[in-house]
């Protein structure tokens, strides 16, 4: 998350407030949220891959069938759980 905050911090330090009619703060906030969602997409994709690669005995312990784990790993990178999106944006 630290690498994402560097471009955001650099953008926020530019004195755009001196320019009339320039709504940079809203643009910067949208950029920040977009970056957070990109990190979340990568994290969820990694978790799904790791789930699919777990051995059957571990999947059985957590109550997941191997086929379901594989199907979960095949979901689109844009298919994020809504609660994870809300949580990531709330903690931004």
PDB file of N, CA and C in Angstrom:
ATOM      1  N   UNK A   1       0.825  -1.184   0.000  1.00  0.00           N
ATOM      2  CA  UNK A   1       0.000   0.000   0.000  1.00  0.00           C
ATOM      3  C   UNK A   1       0.869   1.247   0.000  1.00  0.00           C
ATOM      4  N   UNK A   2       2.085   1.169   0.560  1.00  0.00           N
ATOM      5  CA  UNK A   2       2.959   2.320   0.636  1.00  0.00           C
ATOM      6  C   UNK A   2       3.363   2.843  -0.734  1.00  0.00           C
ATOM      7  N   UNK A   3       3.571   1.928  -1.698  1.00  0.00           N
ATOM      8  CA  UNK A   3       3.970   2.358  -3.032  1.00  0.00           C
ATOM      9  C   UNK A   3       2.856   3.104  -3.744  1.00  0.00           C
ATOM     10  N   UNK A   4       1.630   2.831  -3.368  1.00  0.00           N
ATOM     11  CA  UNK A   4       0.498   3.537  -3.965  1.00  0.00           C
ATOM     12  C   UNK A   4       0.400   4.949  -3.426  1.00  0.00           C
ATOM     13  N   UNK A   5       0.723   5.122  -2.187  1.00  0.00           N
ATOM     14  CA  UNK A   5       0.560   6.425  -1.565  1.00  0.00           C
ATOM     15  C   UNK A   5       1.610   7.428  -2.058  1.00  0.00           C
ATOM     16  N   UNK A   6       2.727   6.975  -2.613  1.00  0.00           N
ATOM     17  CA  UNK A   6       3.752   7.897  -3.091  1.00  0.00           C
ATOM     18  C   UNK A   6       3.240   8.788  -4.214  1.00  0.00           C
ATOM     19  N   UNK A   7       2.643   8.231  -5.298  1.00  0.00           N
ATOM     20  CA  UNK A   7       2.129   9.121  -6.344  1.00  0.00           C
ATOM     21  C   UNK A   7       1.010  10.021  -5.828  1.00  0.00           C
ATOM     22  N   UNK A   8       0.156   9.475  -4.953  1.00  0.00           N
ATOM     23  CA  UNK A   8      -0.932  10.270  -4.398  1.00  0.00           C
ATOM     24  C   UNK A   8      -0.377  11.433  -3.589  1.00  0.00           C
ATOM     25  N   UNK A   9       0.631  11.178  -2.759  1.00  0.00           N
ATOM     26  CA  UNK A   9       1.232  12.235  -1.949  1.00  0.00           C
ATOM     27  C   UNK A   9       1.883  13.289  -2.830  1.00  0.00           C
ATOM     28  N   UNK A  10       2.531  12.846  -3.893  1.00  0.00           N
ATOM     29  CA  UNK A  10       3.161  13.801  -4.804  1.00  0.00           C
ATOM     30  C   UNK A  10       2.111  14.678  -5.484  1.00  0.00           C
ATOM     31  N   UNK A  11       1.015  14.062  -5.909  1.00  0.00           N
ATOM     32  CA  UNK A  11      -0.047  14.837  -6.549  1.00  0.00           C
ATOM     33  C   UNK A  11      -0.692  15.825  -5.583  1.00  0.00           C
ATOM     34  N   UNK A  12      -0.870  15.400  -4.351  1.00  0.00           N
ATOM     35  CA  UNK A  12      -1.525  16.273  -3.376  1.00  0.00           C
ATOM     36  C   UNK A  12      -0.634  17.451  -2.977  1.00  0.00           C
ATOM     37  N   UNK A  13       0.674  17.340  -3.192  1.00  0.00           N
ATOM     38  CA  UNK A  13       1.571  18.427  -2.805  1.00  0.00           C
ATOM     39  C   UNK A  13       1.627  19.538  -3.847  1.00  0.00           C
ATOM     40  N   UNK A  14       1.102  19.300  -5.048  1.00  0.00           N
ATOM     41  CA  UNK A  14       1.100  20.323  -6.097  1.00  0.00           C
ATOM     42  C   UNK A  14       0.045  21.372  -5.753  1.00  0.00           C
ATOM     43  N   UNK A  15       0.381  22.665  -5.845  1.00  0.00           N
ATOM     44  CA  UNK A  15      -0.560  23.724  -5.433  1.00  0.00           C
ATOM     45  C   UNK A  15      -1.625  24.030  -6.483  1.00  0.00           C
ATOM     46  N   UNK A  16      -2.463  23.075  -6.815  1.00  0.00           N
ATOM     47  CA  UNK A  16      -3.518  23.306  -7.796  1.00  0.00           C
ATOM     48  C   UNK A  16      -4.628  24.193  -7.259  1.00  0.00           C
ATOM     49  N   UNK A  17      -4.690  24.357  -5.957  1.00  0.00           N
ATOM     50  CA  UNK A  17      -5.732  25.188  -5.362  1.00  0.00           C
ATOM     51  C   UNK A  17      -5.663  26.624  -5.809  1.00  0.00           C
ATOM     52  N   UNK A  18      -4.520  27.044  -6.310  1.00  0.00           N
ATOM     53  CA  UNK A  18      -4.353  28.418  -6.767  1.00  0.00           C
ATOM     54  C   UNK A  18      -5.009  28.647  -8.123  1.00  0.00           C
ATOM     55  N   UNK A  19      -5.337  27.576  -8.836  1.00  0.00           N
ATOM     56  CA  UNK A  19      -5.959  27.710 -10.141  1.00  0.00           C
ATOM     57  C   UNK A  19      -7.471  27.729  -9.979  1.00  0.00           C
ATOM     58  N   UNK A  20      -8.131  28.763 -10.454  1.00  0.00           N
ATOM     59  CA  UNK A  20      -9.592  28.818 -10.317  1.00  0.00           C
ATOM     60  C   UNK A  20     -10.272  27.738 -11.150  1.00  0.00           C
ATOM     61  N   UNK A  21     -11.359  27.254 -10.630  1.00  0.00           N
ATOM     62  CA  UNK A  21     -12.212  26.258 -11.290  1.00  0.00           C
ATOM     63  C   UNK A  21     -11.536  24.911 -11.515  1.00  0.00           C
ATOM     64  N   UNK A  22     -10.460  24.662 -10.881  1.00  0.00           N
ATOM     65  CA  UNK A  22      -9.793  23.370 -11.046  1.00  0.00           C
ATOM     66  C   UNK A  22     -10.111  22.513  -9.838  1.00  0.00           C
ATOM     67  N   UNK A  23     -10.829  21.455 -10.027  1.00  0.00           N
ATOM     68  CA  UNK A  23     -11.261  20.575  -8.953  1.00  0.00           C
ATOM     69  C   UNK A  23     -10.294  19.406  -8.808  1.00  0.00           C
ATOM     70  N   UNK A  24      -9.086  19.733  -8.438  1.00  0.00           N
ATOM     71  CA  UNK A  24      -8.059  18.709  -8.348  1.00  0.00           C
ATOM     72  C   UNK A  24      -8.289  17.750  -7.186  1.00  0.00           C
ATOM     73  N   UNK A  25      -8.830  18.232  -6.092  1.00  0.00           N
ATOM     74  CA  UNK A  25      -9.011  17.356  -4.925  1.00  0.00           C
ATOM     75  C   UNK A  25      -9.923  16.177  -5.258  1.00  0.00           C
ATOM     76  N   UNK A  26     -11.010  16.449  -5.984  1.00  0.00           N
ATOM     77  CA  UNK A  26     -11.906  15.350  -6.360  1.00  0.00           C
ATOM     78  C   UNK A  26     -11.205  14.371  -7.302  1.00  0.00           C
ATOM     79  N   UNK A  27     -10.438  14.908  -8.236  1.00  0.00           N
ATOM     80  CA  UNK A  27      -9.700  14.059  -9.156  1.00  0.00           C
ATOM     81  C   UNK A  27      -8.666  13.222  -8.403  1.00  0.00           C
ATOM     82  N   UNK A  28      -7.982  13.836  -7.472  1.00  0.00           N
ATOM     83  CA  UNK A  28      -6.967  13.122  -6.691  1.00  0.00           C
ATOM     84  C   UNK A  28      -7.611  12.028  -5.837  1.00  0.00           C
ATOM     85  N   UNK A  29      -8.777  12.296  -5.262  1.00  0.00           N
ATOM     86  CA  UNK A  29      -9.479  11.282  -4.466  1.00  0.00           C
ATOM     87  C   UNK A  29      -9.900  10.105  -5.339  1.00  0.00           C
ATOM     88  N   UNK A  30     -10.411  10.396  -6.530  1.00  0.00           N
ATOM     89  CA  UNK A  30     -10.812   9.315  -7.431  1.00  0.00           C
ATOM     90  C   UNK A  30      -9.604   8.476  -7.843  1.00  0.00           C
ATOM     91  N   UNK A  31      -8.477   9.145  -8.081  1.00  0.00           N
ATOM     92  CA  UNK A  31      -7.246   8.436  -8.429  1.00  0.00           C
ATOM     93  C   UNK A  31      -6.797   7.556  -7.274  1.00  0.00           C
ATOM     94  N   UNK A  32      -6.893   8.069  -6.070  1.00  0.00           N
ATOM     95  CA  UNK A  32      -6.512   7.297  -4.875  1.00  0.00           C
ATOM     96  C   UNK A  32      -7.389   6.048  -4.758  1.00  0.00           C
ATOM     97  N   UNK A  33      -8.702   6.208  -4.919  1.00  0.00           N
ATOM     98  CA  UNK A  33      -9.611   5.064  -4.830  1.00  0.00           C
ATOM     99  C   UNK A  33      -9.333   4.057  -5.942  1.00  0.00           C
ATOM    100  N   UNK A  34      -9.041   4.550  -7.141  1.00  0.00           N
ATOM    101  CA  UNK A  34      -8.722   3.658  -8.258  1.00  0.00           C
ATOM    102  C   UNK A  34      -7.483   2.834  -7.925  1.00  0.00           C
ATOM    103  N   UNK A  35      -6.459   3.474  -7.382  1.00  0.00           N
ATOM    104  CA  UNK A  35      -5.240   2.758  -7.014  1.00  0.00           C
ATOM    105  C   UNK A  35      -5.512   1.707  -5.943  1.00  0.00           C
ATOM    106  N   UNK A  36      -6.331   2.047  -4.979  1.00  0.00           N
ATOM    107  CA  UNK A  36      -6.672   1.099  -3.913  1.00  0.00           C
ATOM    108  C   UNK A  36      -7.382  -0.117  -4.506  1.00  0.00           C
ATOM    109  N   UNK A  37      -8.287   0.125  -5.438  1.00  0.00           N
ATOM    110  CA  UNK A  37      -9.000  -0.989  -6.069  1.00  0.00           C
ATOM    111  C   UNK A  37      -8.062  -1.850  -6.916  1.00  0.00           C
ATOM    112  N   UNK A  38      -7.057  -1.250  -7.537  1.00  0.00           N
ATOM    113  CA  UNK A  38      -6.094  -2.040  -8.304  1.00  0.00           C
ATOM    114  C   UNK A  38      -5.322  -2.982  -7.384  1.00  0.00           C
ATOM    115  N   UNK A  39      -4.908  -2.479  -6.243  1.00  0.00           N
ATOM    116  CA  UNK A  39      -4.197  -3.321  -5.270  1.00  0.00           C
ATOM    117  C   UNK A  39      -5.119  -4.431  -4.776  1.00  0.00           C
ATOM    118  N   UNK A  40      -6.370  -4.098  -4.520  1.00  0.00           N
ATOM    119  CA  UNK A  40      -7.329  -5.105  -4.052  1.00  0.00           C
ATOM    120  C   UNK A  40      -7.541  -6.179  -5.115  1.00  0.00           C
ATOM    121  N   UNK A  41      -7.646  -5.782  -6.370  1.00  0.00           N
ATOM    122  CA  UNK A  41      -7.819  -6.765  -7.446  1.00  0.00           C
ATOM    123  C   UNK A  41      -6.669  -7.769  -7.468  1.00  0.00           C
ATOM    124  N   UNK A  42      -5.455  -7.263  -7.371  1.00  0.00           N
ATOM    125  CA  UNK A  42      -4.281  -8.141  -7.391  1.00  0.00           C
ATOM    126  C   UNK A  42      -4.290  -9.056  -6.165  1.00  0.00           C
ATOM    127  N   UNK A  43      -4.621  -8.497  -5.000  1.00  0.00           N
ATOM    128  CA  UNK A  43      -4.640  -9.286  -3.771  1.00  0.00           C
ATOM    129  C   UNK A  43      -5.683 -10.403  -3.840  1.00  0.00           C
ATOM    130  N   UNK A  44      -6.882 -10.083  -4.309  1.00  0.00           N
ATOM    131  CA  UNK A  44      -7.940 -11.098  -4.393  1.00  0.00           C
ATOM    132  C   UNK A  44      -7.566 -12.174  -5.419  1.00  0.00           C
ATOM    133  N   UNK A  45      -6.973 -11.778  -6.534  1.00  0.00           N
ATOM    134  CA  UNK A  45      -6.548 -12.766  -7.527  1.00  0.00           C
ATOM    135  C   UNK A  45      -5.493 -13.699  -6.940  1.00  0.00           C
ATOM    136  N   UNK A  46      -4.576 -13.143  -6.166  1.00  0.00           N
ATOM    137  CA  UNK A  46      -3.546 -13.958  -5.518  1.00  0.00           C
ATOM    138  C   UNK A  46      -4.175 -14.936  -4.522  1.00  0.00           C
ATOM    139  N   UNK A  47      -5.119 -14.450  -3.721  1.00  0.00           N
ATOM    140  CA  UNK A  47      -5.791 -15.307  -2.743  1.00  0.00           C
ATOM    141  C   UNK A  47      -6.548 -16.435  -3.427  1.00  0.00           C
ATOM    142  N   UNK A  48      -7.200 -16.128  -4.543  1.00  0.00           N
ATOM    143  CA  UNK A  48      -7.952 -17.151  -5.269  1.00  0.00           C
ATOM    144  C   UNK A  48      -7.016 -18.222  -5.834  1.00  0.00           C
ATOM    145  N   UNK A  49      -5.872 -17.798  -6.344  1.00  0.00           N
ATOM    146  CA  UNK A  49      -4.894 -18.753  -6.861  1.00  0.00           C
ATOM    147  C   UNK A  49      -4.353 -19.631  -5.740  1.00  0.00           C
ATOM    148  N   UNK A  50      -4.042 -19.004  -4.610  1.00  0.00           N
ATOM    149  CA  UNK A  50      -3.543 -19.772  -3.464  1.00  0.00           C
ATOM    150  C   UNK A  50      -4.583 -20.765  -2.974  1.00  0.00           C
ATOM    151  N   UNK A  51      -5.850 -20.385  -2.970  1.00  0.00           N
ATOM    152  CA  UNK A  51      -6.921 -21.287  -2.551  1.00  0.00           C
ATOM    153  C   UNK A  51      -6.977 -22.504  -3.474  1.00  0.00           C
ATOM    154  N   UNK A  52      -6.885 -22.267  -4.773  1.00  0.00           N
ATOM    155  CA  UNK A  52      -6.957 -23.370  -5.733  1.00  0.00           C
ATOM    156  C   UNK A  52      -5.762 -24.316  -5.604  1.00  0.00           C
ATOM    157  N   UNK A  53      -4.642 -23.809  -5.111  1.00  0.00           N
ATOM    158  CA  UNK A  53      -3.436 -24.629  -4.992  1.00  0.00           C
ATOM    159  C   UNK A  53      -3.311 -25.348  -3.648  1.00  0.00           C
ATOM    160  N   UNK A  54      -4.267 -25.153  -2.755  1.00  0.00           N
ATOM    161  CA  UNK A  54      -4.210 -25.836  -1.463  1.00  0.00           C
ATOM    162  C   UNK A  54      -4.466 -27.326  -1.639  1.00  0.00           C
ATOM    163  N   UNK A  55      -3.798 -28.156  -0.843  1.00  0.00           N
ATOM    164  CA  UNK A  55      -4.058 -29.595  -0.907  1.00  0.00           C
ATOM    165  C   UNK A  55      -5.478 -29.931  -0.429  1.00  0.00           C
ATOM    166  N   UNK A  56      -5.964 -31.077  -0.875  1.00  0.00           N
ATOM    167  CA  UNK A  56      -7.340 -31.479  -0.552  1.00  0.00           C
ATOM    168  C   UNK A  56      -7.596 -31.574   0.953  1.00  0.00           C
ATOM    169  N   UNK A  57      -6.621 -32.051   1.716  1.00  0.00           N
ATOM    170  CA  UNK A  57      -6.862 -32.197   3.158  1.00  0.00           C
ATOM    171  C   UNK A  57      -7.040 -30.837   3.844  1.00  0.00           C
ATOM    172  N   UNK A  58      -6.383 -29.810   3.364  1.00  0.00           N
ATOM    173  CA  UNK A  58      -6.581 -28.469   3.947  1.00  0.00           C
ATOM    174  C   UNK A  58      -7.925 -27.902   3.506  1.00  0.00           C
ATOM    175  N   UNK A  59      -8.263 -28.100   2.234  1.00  0.00           N
ATOM    176  CA  UNK A  59      -9.573 -27.647   1.762  1.00  0.00           C
ATOM    177  C   UNK A  59     -10.691 -28.313   2.550  1.00  0.00           C
ATOM    178  N   UNK A  60     -10.527 -29.597   2.841  1.00  0.00           N
ATOM    179  CA  UNK A  60     -11.537 -30.314   3.616  1.00  0.00           C
ATOM    180  C   UNK A  60     -11.663 -29.721   5.015  1.00  0.00           C
ATOM    181  N   UNK A  61     -10.515 -29.349   5.617  1.00  0.00           N
ATOM    182  CA  UNK A  61     -10.535 -28.745   6.953  1.00  0.00           C
ATOM    183  C   UNK A  61     -11.299 -27.424   6.982  1.00  0.00           C
ATOM    184  N   UNK A  62     -11.217 -26.663   5.907  1.00  0.00           N
ATOM    185  CA  UNK A  62     -11.914 -25.366   5.891  1.00  0.00           C
ATOM    186  C   UNK A  62     -13.292 -25.467   5.241  1.00  0.00           C
ATOM    187  N   UNK A  63     -13.676 -26.685   4.856  1.00  0.00           N
ATOM    188  CA  UNK A  63     -15.025 -26.910   4.335  1.00  0.00           C
ATOM    189  C   UNK A  63     -15.226 -26.492   2.892  1.00  0.00           C
ATOM    190  N   UNK A  64     -14.186 -26.613   2.084  1.00  0.00           N
ATOM    191  CA  UNK A  64     -14.273 -26.229   0.677  1.00  0.00           C
ATOM    192  C   UNK A  64     -13.954 -27.452  -0.181  1.00  0.00           C
ATOM    193  N   UNK A  65     -14.733 -27.641  -1.224  1.00  0.00           N
ATOM    194  CA  UNK A  65     -14.509 -28.729  -2.171  1.00  0.00           C
ATOM    195  C   UNK A  65     -13.490 -28.241  -3.203  1.00  0.00           C
ATOM    196  N   UNK A  66     -12.616 -29.128  -3.650  1.00  0.00           N
ATOM    197  CA  UNK A  66     -11.559 -28.753  -4.606  1.00  0.00           C
ATOM    198  C   UNK A  66     -12.133 -28.116  -5.870  1.00  0.00           C
ATOM    199  N   UNK A  67     -13.253 -28.632  -6.338  1.00  0.00           N
ATOM    200  CA  UNK A  67     -13.889 -28.063  -7.535  1.00  0.00           C
ATOM    201  C   UNK A  67     -14.350 -26.634  -7.314  1.00  0.00           C
ATOM    202  N   UNK A  68     -14.889 -26.372  -6.127  1.00  0.00           N
ATOM    203  CA  UNK A  68     -15.323 -25.009  -5.805  1.00  0.00           C
ATOM    204  C   UNK A  68     -14.127 -24.063  -5.697  1.00  0.00           C
ATOM    205  N   UNK A  69     -13.032 -24.557  -5.148  1.00  0.00           N
ATOM    206  CA  UNK A  69     -11.818 -23.740  -5.048  1.00  0.00           C
ATOM    207  C   UNK A  69     -11.305 -23.408  -6.441  1.00  0.00           C
ATOM    208  N   UNK A  70     -11.352 -24.377  -7.348  1.00  0.00           N
ATOM    209  CA  UNK A  70     -10.908 -24.123  -8.711  1.00  0.00           C
ATOM    210  C   UNK A  70     -11.814 -23.112  -9.390  1.00  0.00           C
ATOM    211  N   UNK A  71     -13.131 -23.283  -9.231  1.00  0.00           N
ATOM    212  CA  UNK A  71     -14.073 -22.325  -9.832  1.00  0.00           C
ATOM    213  C   UNK A  71     -13.839 -20.915  -9.303  1.00  0.00           C
ATOM    214  N   UNK A  72     -13.581 -20.789  -8.023  1.00  0.00           N
ATOM    215  CA  UNK A  72     -13.305 -19.481  -7.430  1.00  0.00           C
ATOM    216  C   UNK A  72     -12.055 -18.870  -8.057  1.00  0.00           C
ATOM    217  N   UNK A  73     -11.053 -19.703  -8.318  1.00  0.00           N
ATOM    218  CA  UNK A  73      -9.807 -19.183  -8.898  1.00  0.00           C
ATOM    219  C   UNK A  73      -9.996 -18.724 -10.342  1.00  0.00           C
ATOM    220  N   UNK A  74     -11.054 -19.165 -11.003  1.00  0.00           N
ATOM    221  CA  UNK A  74     -11.309 -18.796 -12.391  1.00  0.00           C
ATOM    222  C   UNK A  74     -12.148 -17.527 -12.546  1.00  0.00           C
ATOM    223  N   UNK A  75     -12.574 -16.966 -11.437  1.00  0.00           N
ATOM    224  CA  UNK A  75     -13.392 -15.749 -11.504  1.00  0.00           C
ATOM    225  C   UNK A  75     -12.581 -14.589 -12.065  1.00  0.00           C
ATOM    226  N   UNK A  76     -13.268 -13.646 -12.646  1.00  0.00           N
ATOM    227  CA  UNK A  76     -12.630 -12.479 -13.249  1.00  0.00           C
ATOM    228  C   UNK A  76     -11.943 -11.636 -12.181  1.00  0.00           C
ATOM    229  N   UNK A  77     -10.867 -10.974 -12.573  1.00  0.00           N
ATOM    230  CA  UNK A  77     -10.140 -10.113 -11.644  1.00  0.00           C
ATOM    231  C   UNK A  77     -11.012  -8.926 -11.209  1.00  0.00           C
ATOM    232  N   UNK A  78     -12.008  -8.593 -12.024  1.00  0.00           N
ATOM    233  CA  UNK A  78     -12.907  -7.484 -11.682  1.00  0.00           C
ATOM    234  C   UNK A  78     -14.069  -7.918 -10.791  1.00  0.00           C
ATOM    235  N   UNK A  79     -14.207  -9.206 -10.575  1.00  0.00           N
ATOM    236  CA  UNK A  79     -15.290  -9.735  -9.749  1.00  0.00           C
ATOM    237  C   UNK A  79     -14.833  -9.753  -8.286  1.00  0.00           C
ATOM    238  N   UNK A  80     -14.979  -8.600  -7.638  1.00  0.00           N
ATOM    239  CA  UNK A  80     -14.522  -8.455  -6.253  1.00  0.00           C
ATOM    240  C   UNK A  80     -15.700  -8.542  -5.291  1.00  0.00           C
ATOM    241  N   UNK A  81     -15.490  -9.150  -4.137  1.00  0.00           N
ATOM    242  CA  UNK A  81     -16.550  -9.157  -3.125  1.00  0.00           C
ATOM    243  C   UNK A  81     -16.838  -7.725  -2.665  1.00  0.00           C
ATOM    244  N   UNK A  82     -18.104  -7.367  -2.641  1.00  0.00           N
ATOM    245  CA  UNK A  82     -18.496  -5.995  -2.297  1.00  0.00           C
ATOM    246  C   UNK A  82     -18.011  -5.598  -0.908  1.00  0.00           C
ATOM    247  N   UNK A  83     -18.056  -6.524   0.046  1.00  0.00           N
ATOM    248  CA  UNK A  83     -17.619  -6.180   1.395  1.00  0.00           C
ATOM    249  C   UNK A  83     -16.127  -5.855   1.424  1.00  0.00           C
ATOM    250  N   UNK A  84     -15.326  -6.503   0.570  1.00  0.00           N
ATOM    251  CA  UNK A  84     -13.888  -6.206   0.513  1.00  0.00           C
ATOM    252  C   UNK A  84     -13.642  -4.830  -0.094  1.00  0.00           C
ATOM    253  N   UNK A  85     -14.430  -4.479  -1.116  1.00  0.00           N
ATOM    254  CA  UNK A  85     -14.297  -3.154  -1.737  1.00  0.00           C
ATOM    255  C   UNK A  85     -14.642  -2.072  -0.717  1.00  0.00           C
ATOM    256  N   UNK A  86     -15.773  -2.240  -0.035  1.00  0.00           N
ATOM    257  CA  UNK A  86     -16.182  -1.247   0.984  1.00  0.00           C
ATOM    258  C   UNK A  86     -15.146  -1.127   2.081  1.00  0.00           C
ATOM    259  N   UNK A  87     -14.621  -2.253   2.523  1.00  0.00           N
ATOM    260  CA  UNK A  87     -13.614  -2.242   3.597  1.00  0.00           C
ATOM    261  C   UNK A  87     -12.340  -1.537   3.134  1.00  0.00           C
ATOM    262  N   UNK A  88     -11.887  -1.803   1.933  1.00  0.00           N
ATOM    263  CA  UNK A  88     -10.659  -1.187   1.422  1.00  0.00           C
ATOM    264  C   UNK A  88     -10.827   0.327   1.276  1.00  0.00           C
ATOM    265  N   UNK A  89     -11.973   0.751   0.771  1.00  0.00           N
ATOM    266  CA  UNK A  89     -12.202   2.188   0.576  1.00  0.00           C
ATOM    267  C   UNK A  89     -12.424   2.897   1.909  1.00  0.00           C
ATOM    268  N   UNK A  90     -13.029   2.208   2.857  1.00  0.00           N
ATOM    269  CA  UNK A  90     -13.254   2.812   4.172  1.00  0.00           C
ATOM    270  C   UNK A  90     -11.925   3.038   4.900  1.00  0.00           C
ATOM    271  N   UNK A  91     -10.976   2.146   4.713  1.00  0.00           N
ATOM    272  CA  UNK A  91      -9.686   2.264   5.401  1.00  0.00           C
ATOM    273  C   UNK A  91      -8.663   3.080   4.607  1.00  0.00           C
ATOM    274  N   UNK A  92      -9.115   3.647   3.486  1.00  0.00           N
ATOM    275  CA  UNK A  92      -8.190   4.421   2.646  1.00  0.00           C
ATOM    276  C   UNK A  92      -7.798   5.731   3.294  1.00  0.00           C
TER     277      UNK A  92
END
